[in-house]
């Protein structure tokens, strides 16, 4: 598995919130759902994305915005349109007085808005919980990423819009996977345009020294890696690998490996019912006690507490 594939392995949609929204002006949505990652695509018309403390951006047909939470933001017909709808955690929609609008604004299957014939149609996908494996990727994203129609594969959104109107067996899972593909395509396009400002771990994939070491870590995470064995894999000395890895990635090889292992463990704790012993073996710890100690030290909670908290969220 290459480094980007490993980091893009999450977030994975699992019952993600997916909606077509149709609006006639004036309209303004205040989003304060604290979701870790959301996608807004303009299918028809236009919309302004207004992050708190950041510049407003006009989206036109085919444009996409990735919005990294948990900070609130506004999507509206104009930047100064007063807020009319407030989207709370759990995608509960209310007006300024707190009155629920969920049923009142329902326009059909996975469709919602203030006018069935409105000129603006948005496709919104929200990951209410991102996989822990994606933490490094989410930290690298700015609060708002905007991709213009010509900068990425908008054919995926066309398919998503079409499929959102179908009510077939297995459709929710199918839509989850389509949303994943939209996000992956958008992130990959954004990273490819960053050049020298891209995260160190992304640039490192093409580095002749660090790239092979990173690939080895992601492909064989449970191996008993040392700086020496990684250096052998990369064909350089321990000193050269350690120095180059820290300079390009921003942290030493073993610190990166620990972070990777614990992120994988956190993901498995959240998504499966596997025992701590089984998870420990998969991510490279000799015993559940060793994993528990490392997990508690780095994350401030035990694996058991992490599993309970994420499932209660």
Protein backbone atom coordinates (compact mmCIF):
# COMPACT_ATOMS: atom_id res chain seq x y z
CA UNK A 1 0.00 0.00 0.00
CA UNK A 2 1.43 3.40 -0.95
CA UNK A 3 1.49 6.23 1.57
CA UNK A 4 -1.43 8.14 0.05
CA UNK A 5 -3.59 5.03 -0.19
CA UNK A 6 -2.93 4.34 3.47
CA UNK A 7 -3.91 7.81 4.55
CA UNK A 8 -6.93 7.94 2.27
CA UNK A 9 -8.19 4.62 3.66
CA UNK A 10 -10.39 6.79 5.85
CA UNK A 11 -12.67 8.50 6.37
CA UNK A 12 -15.04 5.79 5.20
CA UNK A 13 -18.70 6.63 4.98
CA UNK A 14 -20.94 4.43 7.10
CA UNK A 15 -24.47 5.76 7.03
CA UNK A 16 -23.14 9.19 6.10
CA UNK A 17 -25.57 12.08 5.89
CA UNK A 18 -26.31 12.68 2.20
CA UNK A 19 -28.77 15.23 0.92
CA UNK A 20 -29.84 17.20 -2.12
CA UNK A 21 -30.85 20.72 -1.13
CA UNK A 22 -32.95 22.93 -3.40
CA UNK A 23 -33.26 26.65 -2.67
CA UNK A 24 -34.77 29.83 -3.99
CA UNK A 25 -33.31 33.11 -2.67
CA UNK A 26 -32.99 34.39 -0.09
CA UNK A 27 -31.52 31.42 1.79
CA UNK A 28 -28.77 30.91 4.33
CA UNK A 29 -27.66 27.81 6.23
CA UNK A 30 -25.61 28.15 9.40
CA UNK A 31 -23.74 24.85 9.77
CA UNK A 32 -22.67 24.10 13.33
CA UNK A 33 -22.91 20.30 13.36
CA UNK A 34 -19.23 19.89 14.41
CA UNK A 35 -18.76 17.18 11.78
CA UNK A 36 -15.08 16.42 11.07
CA UNK A 37 -15.51 16.54 7.30
CA UNK A 38 -18.23 17.68 4.93
CA UNK A 39 -18.53 18.02 1.16
CA UNK A 40 -20.64 20.60 -0.65
CA UNK A 41 -21.05 20.46 -4.42
CA UNK A 42 -23.10 22.89 -6.49
CA UNK A 43 -25.14 20.91 -9.01
CA UNK A 44 -27.14 23.91 -10.25
CA UNK A 45 -27.09 27.64 -9.55
CA UNK A 46 -24.51 29.06 -7.16
CA UNK A 47 -23.71 29.31 -3.46
CA UNK A 48 -21.35 31.19 -1.19
CA UNK A 49 -19.29 29.36 1.42
CA UNK A 50 -18.50 31.65 4.35
CA UNK A 51 -16.15 30.19 6.98
CA UNK A 52 -15.79 31.96 10.31
CA UNK A 53 -12.68 34.12 10.15
CA UNK A 54 -11.94 33.29 6.51
CA UNK A 55 -12.72 34.71 3.08
CA UNK A 56 -16.04 34.02 1.40
CA UNK A 57 -15.92 31.87 -1.75
CA UNK A 58 -18.45 31.67 -4.56
CA UNK A 59 -19.19 28.16 -5.81
CA UNK A 60 -20.67 27.64 -9.26
CA UNK A 61 -21.98 24.50 -11.03
CA UNK A 62 -19.52 21.62 -10.69
CA UNK A 63 -17.43 23.33 -8.00
CA UNK A 64 -16.75 21.47 -4.78
CA UNK A 65 -15.84 22.53 -1.25
CA UNK A 66 -14.35 20.26 1.42
CA UNK A 67 -15.02 21.67 4.88
CA UNK A 68 -12.98 20.44 7.81
CA UNK A 69 -14.71 20.67 11.18
CA UNK A 70 -15.51 21.24 13.85
CA UNK A 71 -15.70 25.02 13.35
CA UNK A 72 -19.02 26.42 12.09
CA UNK A 73 -19.52 27.98 8.67
CA UNK A 74 -22.30 29.38 6.48
CA UNK A 75 -23.57 28.37 3.03
CA UNK A 76 -25.88 30.95 1.47
CA UNK A 77 -27.09 32.66 -1.67
CA UNK A 78 -25.15 35.77 -0.62
CA UNK A 79 -22.55 36.23 2.12
CA UNK A 80 -24.68 38.72 4.04
CA UNK A 81 -28.05 36.93 3.88
CA UNK A 82 -29.35 36.50 7.45
CA UNK A 83 -29.23 32.94 8.75
CA UNK A 84 -32.54 31.14 8.31
CA UNK A 85 -31.62 27.51 9.02
CA UNK A 86 -29.26 26.23 11.69
CA UNK A 87 -27.83 22.73 11.26
CA UNK A 88 -27.02 21.22 14.64
CA UNK A 89 -25.15 18.02 15.60
CA UNK A 90 -26.94 14.95 14.32
CA UNK A 91 -28.07 17.03 11.30
CA UNK A 92 -31.03 18.40 13.24
CA UNK A 93 -32.25 21.53 11.44
CA UNK A 94 -33.95 24.38 13.30
CA UNK A 95 -34.87 28.00 12.75
CA UNK A 96 -33.58 30.89 14.86
CA UNK A 97 -36.12 30.13 17.59
CA UNK A 98 -35.11 26.47 17.80
CA UNK A 99 -38.17 25.12 16.01
CA UNK A 100 -37.47 21.96 14.01
CA UNK A 101 -37.53 22.37 10.23
CA UNK A 102 -36.69 18.79 9.28
CA UNK A 103 -40.22 17.80 8.20
CA UNK A 104 -41.35 21.22 7.06
CA UNK A 105 -38.61 21.56 4.43
CA UNK A 106 -38.67 17.96 3.18
CA UNK A 107 -39.13 17.86 -0.61
CA UNK A 108 -38.89 14.14 -1.36
CA UNK A 109 -36.39 11.30 -1.28
CA UNK A 110 -33.11 12.64 0.17
CA UNK A 111 -34.20 16.11 -0.96
CA UNK A 112 -34.78 19.16 1.20
CA UNK A 113 -35.05 22.91 0.82
CA UNK A 114 -37.30 25.94 0.65
CA UNK A 115 -38.59 25.56 -2.93
CA UNK A 116 -38.99 22.47 -5.09
CA UNK A 117 -38.28 24.56 -8.21
CA UNK A 118 -35.45 26.60 -6.70
CA UNK A 119 -32.60 27.68 -8.97
CA UNK A 120 -29.87 26.35 -6.69
CA UNK A 121 -29.27 22.67 -6.03
CA UNK A 122 -26.54 21.50 -3.65
CA UNK A 123 -25.31 17.99 -2.97
CA UNK A 124 -24.04 17.67 0.58
CA UNK A 125 -22.25 14.77 2.19
CA UNK A 126 -21.26 14.77 5.85
CA UNK A 127 -19.02 12.39 7.72
CA UNK A 128 -20.21 12.67 11.28
CA UNK A 129 -17.28 10.54 12.49
CA UNK A 130 -14.00 10.25 10.63
CA UNK A 131 -11.88 7.13 10.93
CA UNK A 132 -8.90 7.61 13.22
CA UNK A 133 -6.62 6.54 10.38
CA UNK A 134 -7.49 9.83 8.69
CA UNK A 135 -6.35 12.06 11.54
CA UNK A 136 -3.07 12.91 9.84
CA UNK A 137 -4.88 13.73 6.61
CA UNK A 138 -7.55 15.85 8.30
CA UNK A 139 -4.87 17.82 10.14
CA UNK A 140 -3.26 18.62 6.80
CA UNK A 141 -6.44 20.07 5.28
CA UNK A 142 -7.20 23.77 5.67
CA UNK A 143 -10.66 24.69 6.99
CA UNK A 144 -11.95 25.05 3.42
CA UNK A 145 -10.67 23.41 0.24
CA UNK A 146 -12.29 24.60 -3.00
CA UNK A 147 -11.93 22.74 -6.28
CA UNK A 148 -13.28 24.27 -9.45
CA UNK A 149 -15.21 22.19 -11.96
CA UNK A 150 -12.27 21.89 -14.36
CA UNK A 151 -9.82 20.87 -11.61
CA UNK A 152 -11.27 17.49 -10.71
CA UNK A 153 -13.51 14.65 -11.90
CA UNK A 154 -17.01 16.07 -11.51
CA UNK A 155 -18.45 13.03 -13.32
CA UNK A 156 -18.56 11.36 -9.91
CA UNK A 157 -20.91 14.05 -8.65
CA UNK A 158 -23.17 13.61 -11.66
CA UNK A 159 -23.43 9.93 -10.79
CA UNK A 160 -23.99 10.73 -7.12
CA UNK A 161 -26.81 13.16 -7.97
CA UNK A 162 -28.47 10.54 -10.15
CA UNK A 163 -28.17 7.76 -7.59
CA UNK A 164 -29.50 9.94 -4.76
CA UNK A 165 -32.86 9.93 -6.51
CA UNK A 166 -33.05 6.13 -6.60
CA UNK A 167 -34.57 3.97 -3.88
CA UNK A 168 -33.10 0.54 -4.60
CA UNK A 169 -31.90 -2.34 -2.44
CA UNK A 170 -28.54 -1.56 -0.88
CA UNK A 171 -28.75 2.05 -2.01
CA UNK A 172 -27.48 3.58 1.24
CA UNK A 173 -24.28 1.54 1.12
CA UNK A 174 -23.88 2.32 -2.57
CA UNK A 175 -24.22 6.05 -1.86
CA UNK A 176 -21.70 5.82 0.97
CA UNK A 177 -19.14 4.35 -1.41
CA UNK A 178 -19.86 7.02 -4.03
CA UNK A 179 -19.34 9.73 -1.42
CA UNK A 180 -16.01 8.14 -0.50
CA UNK A 181 -14.93 8.26 -4.14
CA UNK A 182 -15.90 11.93 -4.43
CA UNK A 183 -13.85 12.77 -1.34
CA UNK A 184 -10.85 10.72 -2.45
CA UNK A 185 -10.85 12.32 -5.89
CA UNK A 186 -11.10 15.78 -4.38
CA UNK A 187 -8.34 15.25 -1.81
CA UNK A 188 -6.03 13.70 -4.38
CA UNK A 189 -6.58 16.62 -6.77
CA UNK A 190 -5.98 19.14 -4.01
CA UNK A 191 -2.78 17.46 -2.83
CA UNK A 192 -1.43 17.25 -6.38
CA UNK A 193 -1.75 21.04 -6.71
CA UNK A 194 0.01 21.89 -3.47
CA UNK A 195 3.59 21.26 -4.66
CA UNK A 196 6.02 22.48 -1.99
CA UNK A 197 3.23 23.44 0.41
CA UNK A 198 1.91 19.86 0.49
CA UNK A 199 2.25 17.98 3.80
CA UNK A 200 5.63 16.41 4.38
CA UNK A 201 4.24 12.86 4.39
CA UNK A 202 2.75 13.45 0.94
CA UNK A 203 5.94 14.88 -0.57
CA UNK A 204 7.89 12.09 1.10
CA UNK A 205 6.18 9.46 -1.07
CA UNK A 206 8.28 10.63 -4.02
CA UNK A 207 11.50 10.96 -2.02
CA UNK A 208 14.05 8.31 -3.12
CA UNK A 209 15.15 7.70 0.49
CA UNK A 210 12.01 8.26 2.57
CA UNK A 211 9.50 6.91 0.05
CA UNK A 212 10.57 3.26 0.28
CA UNK A 213 10.69 3.47 4.08
CA UNK A 214 7.19 4.93 4.30
CA UNK A 215 5.84 2.34 1.88
CA UNK A 216 7.34 -0.41 4.01
CA UNK A 217 5.80 0.98 7.20
CA UNK A 218 2.32 1.21 5.69
CA UNK A 219 2.49 -2.16 3.94
CA UNK A 220 3.94 -4.11 6.88
CA UNK A 221 2.92 -2.12 9.92
CA UNK A 222 3.20 -5.10 12.29
CA UNK A 223 6.82 -5.86 11.40
CA UNK A 224 9.37 -5.25 14.21
CA UNK A 225 10.84 -2.26 12.41
CA UNK A 226 13.94 -0.45 13.57
CA UNK A 227 15.68 2.53 12.03
CA UNK A 228 18.33 0.08 10.89
CA UNK A 229 15.94 -2.28 9.11
CA UNK A 230 14.15 0.63 7.47
CA UNK A 231 17.48 2.04 6.34
CA UNK A 232 18.32 -1.31 4.77
CA UNK A 233 14.98 -1.27 2.93
CA UNK A 234 15.78 2.24 1.65
CA UNK A 235 19.37 1.34 0.76
CA UNK A 236 21.01 3.97 2.97
CA UNK A 237 22.69 4.18 6.37
CA UNK A 238 20.76 4.57 9.63
CA UNK A 239 22.05 8.11 10.04
CA UNK A 240 21.02 9.15 6.53
CA UNK A 241 17.53 7.69 6.89
CA UNK A 242 16.93 9.18 10.33
CA UNK A 243 18.07 12.62 9.23
CA UNK A 244 16.22 12.59 5.91
CA UNK A 245 13.00 11.13 7.34
CA UNK A 246 12.78 13.78 10.07
CA UNK A 247 13.55 16.57 7.62
CA UNK A 248 10.94 15.52 5.05
CA UNK A 249 8.14 14.05 7.18
CA UNK A 250 8.63 16.25 10.23
CA UNK A 251 9.13 13.52 12.83
CA UNK A 252 11.48 10.56 13.39
CA UNK A 253 10.70 7.19 11.77
CA UNK A 254 9.81 5.40 15.00
CA UNK A 255 7.54 8.24 16.15
CA UNK A 256 5.74 8.05 12.81
CA UNK A 257 5.39 4.29 13.16
CA UNK A 258 3.94 4.61 16.67
CA UNK A 259 1.43 7.18 15.45
CA UNK A 260 0.45 4.97 12.53
CA UNK A 261 0.03 1.87 14.69
CA UNK A 262 -2.09 3.64 17.28
CA UNK A 263 -4.27 5.24 14.61
CA UNK A 264 -4.89 1.82 13.09
CA UNK A 265 -5.65 0.41 16.54
CA UNK A 266 -8.09 3.24 17.26
CA UNK A 267 -9.84 2.59 13.97
CA UNK A 268 -10.18 -1.14 14.66
CA UNK A 269 -11.46 -0.44 18.18
CA UNK A 270 -14.14 1.83 16.76
CA UNK A 271 -15.22 -0.25 13.76
CA UNK A 272 -14.93 -3.84 15.01
CA UNK A 273 -15.55 -6.01 18.05
CA UNK A 274 -12.15 -7.66 17.85
CA UNK A 275 -10.28 -8.35 21.06
CA UNK A 276 -7.42 -6.17 22.20
CA UNK A 277 -5.05 -9.13 21.75
CA UNK A 278 -6.07 -9.53 18.11
CA UNK A 279 -5.72 -5.81 17.42
CA UNK A 280 -2.34 -5.69 19.15
CA UNK A 281 -1.00 -8.44 16.91
CA UNK A 282 -2.28 -6.75 13.76
CA UNK A 283 -0.67 -3.38 14.51
CA UNK A 284 2.66 -4.67 15.78
CA UNK A 285 2.46 -4.86 19.57
CA UNK A 286 3.68 -7.97 21.37
CA UNK A 287 0.78 -8.06 23.82
CA UNK A 288 -2.49 -6.28 24.65
CA UNK A 289 -0.74 -4.80 27.67
CA UNK A 290 1.95 -3.21 25.49
CA UNK A 291 -0.71 -1.76 23.17
CA UNK A 292 -2.79 -0.50 26.08
CA UNK A 293 0.20 1.22 27.68
CA UNK A 294 1.21 2.94 24.43
CA UNK A 295 -2.37 3.89 23.59
CA UNK A 296 -3.00 5.38 27.04
CA UNK A 297 0.30 7.26 27.04
CA UNK A 298 -0.19 8.83 23.60
CA UNK A 299 -3.96 9.40 23.59
CA UNK A 300 -4.79 9.93 27.25
CA UNK A 301 -7.43 7.18 27.38
CA UNK A 302 -7.26 3.40 27.44
CA UNK A 303 -8.31 1.36 24.41
CA UNK A 304 -11.44 0.27 26.27
CA UNK A 305 -12.36 3.88 27.07
CA UNK A 306 -11.72 4.90 23.45
CA UNK A 307 -14.04 2.17 22.16
CA UNK A 308 -16.78 3.14 24.60
CA UNK A 309 -16.53 6.87 23.83
CA UNK A 310 -16.55 6.54 20.06
CA UNK A 311 -19.53 4.21 20.08
CA UNK A 312 -21.47 6.45 22.41
CA UNK A 313 -20.87 9.49 20.22
